[in-house]
PDB file of N, CA and C in Angstrom:
ATOM      1  N   MET A   1      75.813 101.470  80.917  1.00  0.00           N
ATOM      2  CA  MET A   1      75.926 103.004  80.692  1.00  0.00           C
ATOM      3  C   MET A   1      76.208 103.731  80.980  1.00  0.00           C
ATOM      4  N   TYR A   2      76.875 104.802  80.355  1.00  0.00           N
ATOM      5  CA  TYR A   2      77.944 106.055  81.073  1.00  0.00           C
ATOM      6  C   TYR A   2      77.089 107.188  80.656  1.00  0.00           C
ATOM      7  N   TYR A   3      77.365 108.250  81.707  1.00  0.00           N
ATOM      8  CA  TYR A   3      76.847 109.695  81.698  1.00  0.00           C
ATOM      9  C   TYR A   3      77.361 110.342  81.853  1.00  0.00           C
ATOM     10  N   ASN A   4      77.064 111.982  81.822  1.00  0.00           N
ATOM     11  CA  ASN A   4      77.951 112.854  81.805  1.00  0.00           C
ATOM     12  C   ASN A   4      77.585 113.430  83.252  1.00  0.00           C
ATOM     13  N   LYS A   5      78.067 114.446  83.594  1.00  0.00           N
ATOM     14  CA  LYS A   5      77.614 115.126  84.754  1.00  0.00           C
ATOM     15  C   LYS A   5      76.012 115.697  84.984  1.00  0.00           C
ATOM     16  N   LYS A   6      75.686 115.901  83.662  1.00  0.00           N
ATOM     17  CA  LYS A   6      73.947 115.840  83.720  1.00  0.00           C
ATOM     18  C   LYS A   6      73.297 114.678  83.837  1.00  0.00           C
ATOM     19  N   GLY A   7      74.136 114.028  83.417  1.00  0.00           N
ATOM     20  CA  GLY A   7      73.027 112.708  83.589  1.00  0.00           C
ATOM     21  C   GLY A   7      72.551 112.234  82.143  1.00  0.00           C
ATOM     22  N   GLU A   8      73.186 113.079  81.032  1.00  0.00           N
ATOM     23  CA  GLU A   8      72.961 112.325  79.847  1.00  0.00           C
ATOM     24  C   GLU A   8      73.677 111.309  79.169  1.00  0.00           C
ATOM     25  N   LYS A   9      73.047 110.414  78.753  1.00  0.00           N
ATOM     26  CA  LYS A   9      73.826 109.134  78.154  1.00  0.00           C
ATOM     27  C   LYS A   9      75.282 109.444  77.198  1.00  0.00           C
ATOM     28  N   ILE A  10      75.982 109.044  77.326  1.00  0.00           N
ATOM     29  CA  ILE A  10      77.570 109.141  76.610  1.00  0.00           C
ATOM     30  C   ILE A  10      77.868 107.933  75.818  1.00  0.00           C
ATOM     31  N   ASP A  11      78.811 107.937  74.850  1.00  0.00           N
ATOM     32  CA  ASP A  11      79.417 106.861  74.695  1.00  0.00           C
ATOM     33  C   ASP A  11      80.599 106.360  75.276  1.00  0.00           C
ATOM     34  N   LEU A  12      80.972 105.106  75.193  1.00  0.00           N
ATOM     35  CA  LEU A  12      82.412 104.901  75.797  1.00  0.00           C
ATOM     36  C   LEU A  12      83.776 105.876  75.609  1.00  0.00           C
ATOM     37  N   GLN A  13      83.804 106.565  74.298  1.00  0.00           N
ATOM     38  CA  GLN A  13      84.837 106.988  74.287  1.00  0.00           C
ATOM     39  C   GLN A  13      84.956 108.580  74.445  1.00  0.00           C
ATOM     40  N   THR A  14      83.375 109.196  74.867  1.00  0.00           N
ATOM     41  CA  THR A  14      83.436 110.285  75.321  1.00  0.00           C
ATOM     42  C   THR A  14      83.473 109.902  77.008  1.00  0.00           C
ATOM     43  N   TYR A  15      83.118 109.461  77.315  1.00  0.00           N
ATOM     44  CA  TYR A  15      83.564 108.571  78.960  1.00  0.00           C
ATOM     45  C   TYR A  15      84.935 108.643  79.195  1.00  0.00           C
ATOM     46  N   ALA A  16      85.719 107.688  78.213  1.00  0.00           N
ATOM     47  CA  ALA A  16      87.180 107.820  78.390  1.00  0.00           C
ATOM     48  C   ALA A  16      88.034 109.139  78.267  1.00  0.00           C
ATOM     49  N   ASP A  17      87.357 110.309  77.544  1.00  0.00           N
ATOM     50  CA  ASP A  17      87.677 111.285  77.502  1.00  0.00           C
ATOM     51  C   ASP A  17      88.104 112.165  78.575  1.00  0.00           C
ATOM     52  N   LEU A  18      86.394 112.494  79.059  1.00  0.00           N
ATOM     53  CA  LEU A  18      86.294 112.837  80.219  1.00  0.00           C
ATOM     54  C   LEU A  18      86.749 112.582  81.271  1.00  0.00           C
ATOM     55  N   PHE A  19      87.184 111.169  81.575  1.00  0.00           N
ATOM     56  CA  PHE A  19      87.591 110.283  83.051  1.00  0.00           C
ATOM     57  C   PHE A  19      89.258 110.999  82.874  1.00  0.00           C
ATOM     58  N   LYS A  20      90.031 111.100  81.981  1.00  0.00           N
ATOM     59  CA  LYS A  20      91.210 111.464  81.613  1.00  0.00           C
ATOM     60  C   LYS A  20      91.686 112.839  82.489  1.00  0.00           C
ATOM     61  N   ASP A  21      90.464 113.680  82.699  1.00  0.00           N
ATOM     62  CA  ASP A  21      90.968 115.125  83.122  1.00  0.00           C
ATOM     63  C   ASP A  21      90.260 115.372  84.448  1.00  0.00           C
ATOM     64  N   ASP A  22      90.358 116.375  84.885  1.00  0.00           N
ATOM     65  CA  ASP A  22      89.762 116.926  86.299  1.00  0.00           C
ATOM     66  C   ASP A  22      88.399 116.685  86.400  1.00  0.00           C
ATOM     67  N   TYR A  23      87.814 116.646  85.151  1.00  0.00           N
ATOM     68  CA  TYR A  23      86.348 116.483  85.140  1.00  0.00           C
ATOM     69  C   TYR A  23      85.462 115.701  86.193  1.00  0.00           C
ATOM     70  N   ARG A  24      86.419 114.604  86.392  1.00  0.00           N
ATOM     71  CA  ARG A  24      86.052 113.348  87.551  1.00  0.00           C
ATOM     72  C   ARG A  24      85.889 114.177  88.858  1.00  0.00           C
ATOM     73  N   PHE A  25      86.502 115.040  89.537  1.00  0.00           N
ATOM     74  CA  PHE A  25      86.918 115.584  90.776  1.00  0.00           C
ATOM     75  C   PHE A  25      85.491 116.672  90.954  1.00  0.00           C
ATOM     76  N   ILE A  26      84.916 116.368  92.135  1.00  0.00           N
ATOM     77  CA  ILE A  26      83.769 117.135  92.725  1.00  0.00           C
ATOM     78  C   ILE A  26      84.103 117.974  93.909  1.00  0.00           C
ATOM     79  N   LYS A  27      84.497 117.372  94.772  1.00  0.00           N
ATOM     80  CA  LYS A  27      85.040 118.163  95.818  1.00  0.00           C
ATOM     81  C   LYS A  27      85.834 116.768  96.912  1.00  0.00           C
ATOM     82  N   GLN A  28      86.831 117.512  97.657  1.00  0.00           N
ATOM     83  CA  GLN A  28      87.614 116.910  98.456  1.00  0.00           C
ATOM     84  C   GLN A  28      88.216 117.673  99.774  1.00  0.00           C
ATOM     85  N   ASP A  29      87.833 117.229 100.817  1.00  0.00           N
ATOM     86  CA  ASP A  29      88.099 117.925 102.335  1.00  0.00           C
ATOM     87  C   ASP A  29      88.767 116.501 102.814  1.00  0.00           C
ATOM     88  N   THR A  30      89.693 117.252 103.721  1.00  0.00           N
ATOM     89  CA  THR A  30      90.817 116.879 104.640  1.00  0.00           C
ATOM     90  C   THR A  30      90.525 117.448 105.930  1.00  0.00           C
ATOM     91  N   LEU A  31      89.925 116.572 106.854  1.00  0.00           N
ATOM     92  CA  LEU A  31      89.366 116.827 108.114  1.00  0.00           C
ATOM     93  C   LEU A  31      90.799 116.759 109.266  1.00  0.00           C
ATOM     94  N   ALA A  32      90.503 117.805 110.123  1.00  0.00           N
ATOM     95  CA  ALA A  32      91.293 118.071 111.314  1.00  0.00           C
ATOM     96  C   ALA A  32      91.913 116.735 111.914  1.00  0.00           C
ATOM     97  N   ASN A  33      91.126 115.553 111.962  1.00  0.00           N
ATOM     98  CA  ASN A  33      91.553 114.078 112.419  1.00  0.00           C
ATOM     99  C   ASN A  33      91.798 113.383 111.304  1.00  0.00           C
ATOM    100  N   GLY A  34      92.501 113.986 110.178  1.00  0.00           N
ATOM    101  CA  GLY A  34      93.226 113.106 109.217  1.00  0.00           C
ATOM    102  C   GLY A  34      92.367 112.405 108.116  1.00  0.00           C
ATOM    103  N   LYS A  35      91.065 112.394 108.458  1.00  0.00           N
ATOM    104  CA  LYS A  35      90.081 111.305 107.415  1.00  0.00           C
ATOM    105  C   LYS A  35      90.027 112.441 106.389  1.00  0.00           C
ATOM    106  N   LEU A  36      90.046 111.827 105.218  1.00  0.00           N
ATOM    107  CA  LEU A  36      89.723 112.338 103.578  1.00  0.00           C
ATOM    108  C   LEU A  36      88.531 111.999 103.256  1.00  0.00           C
ATOM    109  N   ILE A  37      87.424 113.075 102.606  1.00  0.00           N
ATOM    110  CA  ILE A  37      86.227 112.737 102.064  1.00  0.00           C
ATOM    111  C   ILE A  37      86.427 113.344 100.569  1.00  0.00           C
ATOM    112  N   SER A  38      86.239 112.583  99.732  1.00  0.00           N
ATOM    113  CA  SER A  38      86.480 112.715  98.332  1.00  0.00           C
ATOM    114  C   SER A  38      85.062 112.450  97.603  1.00  0.00           C
ATOM    115  N   THR A  39      84.553 113.543  96.803  1.00  0.00           N
ATOM    116  CA  THR A  39      83.659 113.201  95.993  1.00  0.00           C
ATOM    117  C   THR A  39      83.699 113.103  94.526  1.00  0.00           C
ATOM    118  N   VAL A  40      83.572 112.185  94.011  1.00  0.00           N
ATOM    119  CA  VAL A  40      83.662 112.308  92.496  1.00  0.00           C
ATOM    120  C   VAL A  40      82.809 111.905  91.746  1.00  0.00           C
ATOM    121  N   TRP A  41      82.554 112.039  90.061  1.00  0.00           N
ATOM    122  CA  TRP A  41      81.764 111.635  89.320  1.00  0.00           C
ATOM    123  C   TRP A  41      82.397 110.328  88.346  1.00  0.00           C
ATOM    124  N   LEU A  42      81.431 109.334  88.666  1.00  0.00           N
ATOM    125  CA  LEU A  42      81.581 108.119  88.096  1.00  0.00           C
ATOM    126  C   LEU A  42      81.296 107.639  86.926  1.00  0.00           C
ATOM    127  N   GLY A  43      80.796 108.414  86.139  1.00  0.00           N
ATOM    128  CA  GLY A  43      80.019 108.089  84.918  1.00  0.00           C
ATOM    129  C   GLY A  43      79.678 106.872  84.668  1.00  0.00           C
ATOM    130  N   SER A  44      79.924 105.945  84.710  1.00  0.00           N
ATOM    131  CA  SER A  44      79.010 104.620  84.763  1.00  0.00           C
ATOM    132  C   SER A  44      77.896 104.464  85.933  1.00  0.00           C
ATOM    133  N   ASP A  45      76.878 103.666  85.597  1.00  0.00           N
ATOM    134  CA  ASP A  45      75.890 103.779  86.879  1.00  0.00           C
ATOM    135  C   ASP A  45      76.256 102.462  87.663  1.00  0.00           C
ATOM    136  N   HIS A  46      76.276 102.720  88.901  1.00  0.00           N
ATOM    137  CA  HIS A  46      76.374 101.873  90.141  1.00  0.00           C
ATOM    138  C   HIS A  46      75.150 101.458  90.764  1.00  0.00           C
ATOM    139  N   SER A  47      74.099 101.754  90.211  1.00  0.00           N
ATOM    140  CA  SER A  47      72.884 101.213  91.037  1.00  0.00           C
ATOM    141  C   SER A  47      72.543  99.765  90.784  1.00  0.00           C
ATOM    142  N   PHE A  48      73.204  99.368  90.082  1.00  0.00           N
ATOM    143  CA  PHE A  48      73.195  97.833  89.832  1.00  0.00           C
ATOM    144  C   PHE A  48      71.831  97.540  89.396  1.00  0.00           C
ATOM    145  N   GLY A  49      70.927  97.908  88.755  1.00  0.00           N
ATOM    146  CA  GLY A  49      69.710  97.943  88.211  1.00  0.00           C
ATOM    147  C   GLY A  49      68.771  98.597  88.776  1.00  0.00           C
ATOM    148  N   GLY A  50      69.048  99.861  89.690  1.00  0.00           N
ATOM    149  CA  GLY A  50      68.178 100.413  90.131  1.00  0.00           C
ATOM    150  C   GLY A  50      67.330 101.463  89.180  1.00  0.00           C
ATOM    151  N   ASP A  51      66.443 102.169  90.041  1.00  0.00           N
ATOM    152  CA  ASP A  51      65.721 102.892  88.956  1.00  0.00           C
ATOM    153  C   ASP A  51      66.470 104.265  88.623  1.00  0.00           C
ATOM    154  N   VAL A  52      67.161 104.901  89.134  1.00  0.00           N
ATOM    155  CA  VAL A  52      67.974 106.057  88.392  1.00  0.00           C
ATOM    156  C   VAL A  52      69.568 105.411  88.698  1.00  0.00           C
ATOM    157  N   PRO A  53      70.154 106.388  87.437  1.00  0.00           N
ATOM    158  CA  PRO A  53      71.425 105.711  87.357  1.00  0.00           C
ATOM    159  C   PRO A  53      72.342 106.779  88.688  1.00  0.00           C
ATOM    160  N   LEU A  54      73.232 105.951  89.592  1.00  0.00           N
ATOM    161  CA  LEU A  54      74.094 106.160  90.671  1.00  0.00           C
ATOM    162  C   LEU A  54      75.587 106.261  89.636  1.00  0.00           C
ATOM    163  N   ILE A  55      75.732 107.850  89.485  1.00  0.00           N
ATOM    164  CA  ILE A  55      77.087 108.305  88.715  1.00  0.00           C
ATOM    165  C   ILE A  55      78.016 108.986  89.596  1.00  0.00           C
ATOM    166  N   PHE A  56      77.530 109.204  90.927  1.00  0.00           N
ATOM    167  CA  PHE A  56      78.294 110.116  91.779  1.00  0.00           C
ATOM    168  C   PHE A  56      78.635 109.056  92.959  1.00  0.00           C
ATOM    169  N   GLU A  57      79.692 109.387  93.785  1.00  0.00           N
ATOM    170  CA  GLU A  57      80.397 108.636  94.954  1.00  0.00           C
ATOM    171  C   GLU A  57      81.097 109.537  95.788  1.00  0.00           C
ATOM    172  N   THR A  58      80.555 109.602  96.977  1.00  0.00           N
ATOM    173  CA  THR A  58      81.374 110.384  98.100  1.00  0.00           C
ATOM    174  C   THR A  58      81.856 108.913  99.162  1.00  0.00           C
ATOM    175  N   MET A  59      83.406 108.920  99.205  1.00  0.00           N
ATOM    176  CA  MET A  59      84.010 108.012 100.373  1.00  0.00           C
ATOM    177  C   MET A  59      84.474 108.644 101.153  1.00  0.00           C
ATOM    178  N   VAL A  60      84.394 108.050 102.661  1.00  0.00           N
ATOM    179  CA  VAL A  60      85.388 108.585 103.251  1.00  0.00           C
ATOM    180  C   VAL A  60      86.295 107.578 103.654  1.00  0.00           C
ATOM    181  N   PHE A  61      87.678 107.986 103.674  1.00  0.00           N
ATOM    182  CA  PHE A  61      88.861 107.370 103.923  1.00  0.00           C
ATOM    183  C   PHE A  61      89.450 107.372 105.096  1.00  0.00           C
ATOM    184  N   PRO A  62      90.191 106.514 105.841  1.00  0.00           N
ATOM    185  CA  PRO A  62      90.605 106.854 107.108  1.00  0.00           C
ATOM    186  C   PRO A  62      91.628 107.473 107.175  1.00  0.00           C
ATOM    187  N   ASN A  63      92.339 107.949 108.504  1.00  0.00           N
ATOM    188  CA  ASN A  63      93.549 108.516 108.682  1.00  0.00           C
ATOM    189  C   ASN A  63      94.710 107.872 107.918  1.00  0.00           C
ATOM    190  N   LYS A  64      95.678 108.820 107.389  1.00  0.00           N
ATOM    191  CA  LYS A  64      96.767 108.002 106.775  1.00  0.00           C
ATOM    192  C   LYS A  64      97.619 106.691 107.271  1.00  0.00           C
ATOM    193  N   GLY A  65      97.755 105.448 106.736  1.00  0.00           N
ATOM    194  CA  GLY A  65      98.680 104.373 107.267  1.00  0.00           C
ATOM    195  C   GLY A  65      97.208 103.569 107.821  1.00  0.00           C
ATOM    196  N   SER A  66      95.592 103.920 107.613  1.00  0.00           N
ATOM    197  CA  SER A  66      95.156 102.851 108.010  1.00  0.00           C
ATOM    198  C   SER A  66      94.276 102.180 106.520  1.00  0.00           C
ATOM    199  N   TRP A  67      93.572 101.224 106.548  1.00  0.00           N
ATOM    200  CA  TRP A  67      93.396 100.514 105.112  1.00  0.00           C
ATOM    201  C   TRP A  67      91.604 100.754 105.240  1.00  0.00           C
ATOM    202  N   GLY A  68      91.458 100.249 103.877  1.00  0.00           N
ATOM    203  CA  GLY A  68      89.854 100.737 103.496  1.00  0.00           C
ATOM    204  C   GLY A  68      89.012 101.979 103.910  1.00  0.00           C
ATOM    205  N   GLU A  69      87.694 102.151 103.411  1.00  0.00           N
ATOM    206  CA  GLU A  69      87.208 103.553 103.164  1.00  0.00           C
ATOM    207  C   GLU A  69      86.304 103.100 104.786  1.00  0.00           C
ATOM    208  N   ILE A  70      85.940 104.248 105.008  1.00  0.00           N
ATOM    209  CA  ILE A  70      84.989 103.877 106.129  1.00  0.00           C
ATOM    210  C   ILE A  70      83.376 104.655 105.880  1.00  0.00           C
ATOM    211  N   ASP A  71      83.511 104.756 104.993  1.00  0.00           N
ATOM    212  CA  ASP A  71      81.795 104.972 104.524  1.00  0.00           C
ATOM    213  C   ASP A  71      81.660 105.975 103.277  1.00  0.00           C
ATOM    214  N   MET A  72      80.781 105.421 102.730  1.00  0.00           N
ATOM    215  CA  MET A  72      80.545 105.474 100.977  1.00  0.00           C
ATOM    216  C   MET A  72      79.009 106.043 101.193  1.00  0.00           C
ATOM    217  N   GLU A  73      78.293 106.790 100.029  1.00  0.00           N
ATOM    218  CA  GLU A  73      77.425 107.247  99.490  1.00  0.00           C
ATOM    219  C   GLU A  73      77.004 107.207  97.969  1.00  0.00           C
ATOM    220  N   ARG A  74      76.304 106.938  97.267  1.00  0.00           N
ATOM    221  CA  ARG A  74      76.406 107.226  96.081  1.00  0.00           C
ATOM    222  C   ARG A  74      75.092 108.298  95.826  1.00  0.00           C
ATOM    223  N   TYR A  75      75.194 108.681  94.329  1.00  0.00           N
ATOM    224  CA  TYR A  75      74.321 109.817  94.103  1.00  0.00           C
ATOM    225  C   TYR A  75      73.830 109.662  92.505  1.00  0.00           C
ATOM    226  N   SER A  76      72.766 110.508  92.191  1.00  0.00           N
ATOM    227  CA  SER A  76      72.370 110.349  90.804  1.00  0.00           C
ATOM    228  C   SER A  76      72.761 111.764  90.480  1.00  0.00           C
ATOM    229  N   THR A  77      72.599 113.084  91.124  1.00  0.00           N
ATOM    230  CA  THR A  77      73.084 113.993  90.475  1.00  0.00           C
ATOM    231  C   THR A  77      73.989 115.131  91.053  1.00  0.00           C
ATOM    232  N   GLU A  78      74.714 115.735  90.683  1.00  0.00           N
ATOM    233  CA  GLU A  78      75.827 116.219  90.653  1.00  0.00           C
ATOM    234  C   GLU A  78      75.331 117.339  92.186  1.00  0.00           C
ATOM    235  N   GLU A  79      74.049 117.969  92.324  1.00  0.00           N
ATOM    236  CA  GLU A  79      74.040 118.639  93.172  1.00  0.00           C
ATOM    237  C   GLU A  79      73.301 117.468  94.609  1.00  0.00           C
ATOM    238  N   GLU A  80      73.195 116.635  94.386  1.00  0.00           N
ATOM    239  CA  GLU A  80      72.898 115.680  95.484  1.00  0.00           C
ATOM    240  C   GLU A  80      74.346 115.207  95.952  1.00  0.00           C
ATOM    241  N   ALA A  81      75.225 115.192  94.860  1.00  0.00           N
ATOM    242  CA  ALA A  81      76.572 114.667  95.557  1.00  0.00           C
ATOM    243  C   ALA A  81      77.301 115.565  96.409  1.00  0.00           C
ATOM    244  N   ILE A  82      77.322 117.052  95.793  1.00  0.00           N
ATOM    245  CA  ILE A  82      77.508 117.930  96.527  1.00  0.00           C
ATOM    246  C   ILE A  82      76.951 118.205  98.169  1.00  0.00           C
ATOM    247  N   LYS A  83      75.917 117.892  98.012  1.00  0.00           N
ATOM    248  CA  LYS A  83      74.974 118.295  99.480  1.00  0.00           C
ATOM    249  C   LYS A  83      75.321 117.092 100.317  1.00  0.00           C
ATOM    250  N   GLY A  84      75.733 115.846  99.706  1.00  0.00           N
ATOM    251  CA  GLY A  84      75.750 114.671 100.767  1.00  0.00           C
ATOM    252  C   GLY A  84      77.193 114.619 101.034  1.00  0.00           C
ATOM    253  N   HIS A  85      78.247 115.470 100.126  1.00  0.00           N
ATOM    254  CA  HIS A  85      79.492 115.590 100.610  1.00  0.00           C
ATOM    255  C   HIS A  85      79.475 116.479 101.940  1.00  0.00           C
ATOM    256  N   ASP A  86      79.162 117.662 101.717  1.00  0.00           N
ATOM    257  CA  ASP A  86      78.833 118.527 102.730  1.00  0.00           C
ATOM    258  C   ASP A  86      78.257 118.010 104.063  1.00  0.00           C
ATOM    259  N   ALA A  87      77.448 117.097 103.836  1.00  0.00           N
ATOM    260  CA  ALA A  87      76.677 116.389 105.111  1.00  0.00           C
ATOM    261  C   ALA A  87      77.942 115.524 105.992  1.00  0.00           C
ATOM    262  N   LEU A  88      78.473 114.789 104.920  1.00  0.00           N
ATOM    263  CA  LEU A  88      79.221 113.867 105.995  1.00  0.00           C
ATOM    264  C   LEU A  88      80.805 114.579 106.249  1.00  0.00           C
ATOM    265  N   VAL A  89      81.177 115.830 105.634  1.00  0.00           N
ATOM    266  CA  VAL A  89      82.078 116.884 106.397  1.00  0.00           C
ATOM    267  C   VAL A  89      81.822 117.018 107.529  1.00  0.00           C
ATOM    268  N   LYS A  90      80.241 117.779 107.792  1.00  0.00           N
ATOM    269  CA  LYS A  90      79.576 117.967 108.867  1.00  0.00           C
ATOM    270  C   LYS A  90      79.793 117.247 110.030  1.00  0.00           C
ATOM    271  N   LYS A  91      78.909 116.054 109.778  1.00  0.00           N
ATOM    272  CA  LYS A  91      78.990 114.756 110.578  1.00  0.00           C
ATOM    273  C   LYS A  91      80.186 114.437 111.056  1.00  0.00           C
ATOM    274  N   LEU A  92      81.019 114.339 110.429  1.00  0.00           N
ATOM    275  CA  LEU A  92      82.400 113.869 111.000  1.00  0.00           C
ATOM    276  C   LEU A  92      83.455 114.679 111.011  1.00  0.00           C
ATOM    277  N   SER A  93      83.122 115.958 111.260  1.00  0.00           N
ATOM    278  CA  SER A  93      84.123 117.102 111.970  1.00  0.00           C
ATOM    279  C   SER A  93      83.870 117.131 113.296  1.00  0.00           C
TER     280      SER A  93
END
């Protein structure tokens, strides 16, 4: 299943069209310590059979030159995603 940012079901073509542009980017911050925190709209359900679709994701990436993510959270709504992003910025700053 595919969803727009409002959580409304959309078809594959609409999803693909939205994914092409900046629609998918929600927030991004680079901390003083070099960590990157990025929150995006995924559009497809990443709940793996959960009760509510998880269509947003915040990932924390280590300093440049390091490998792999160091933290990740997923959310159902854009509001939750923004709050979660801001909480990770505060926690890791």
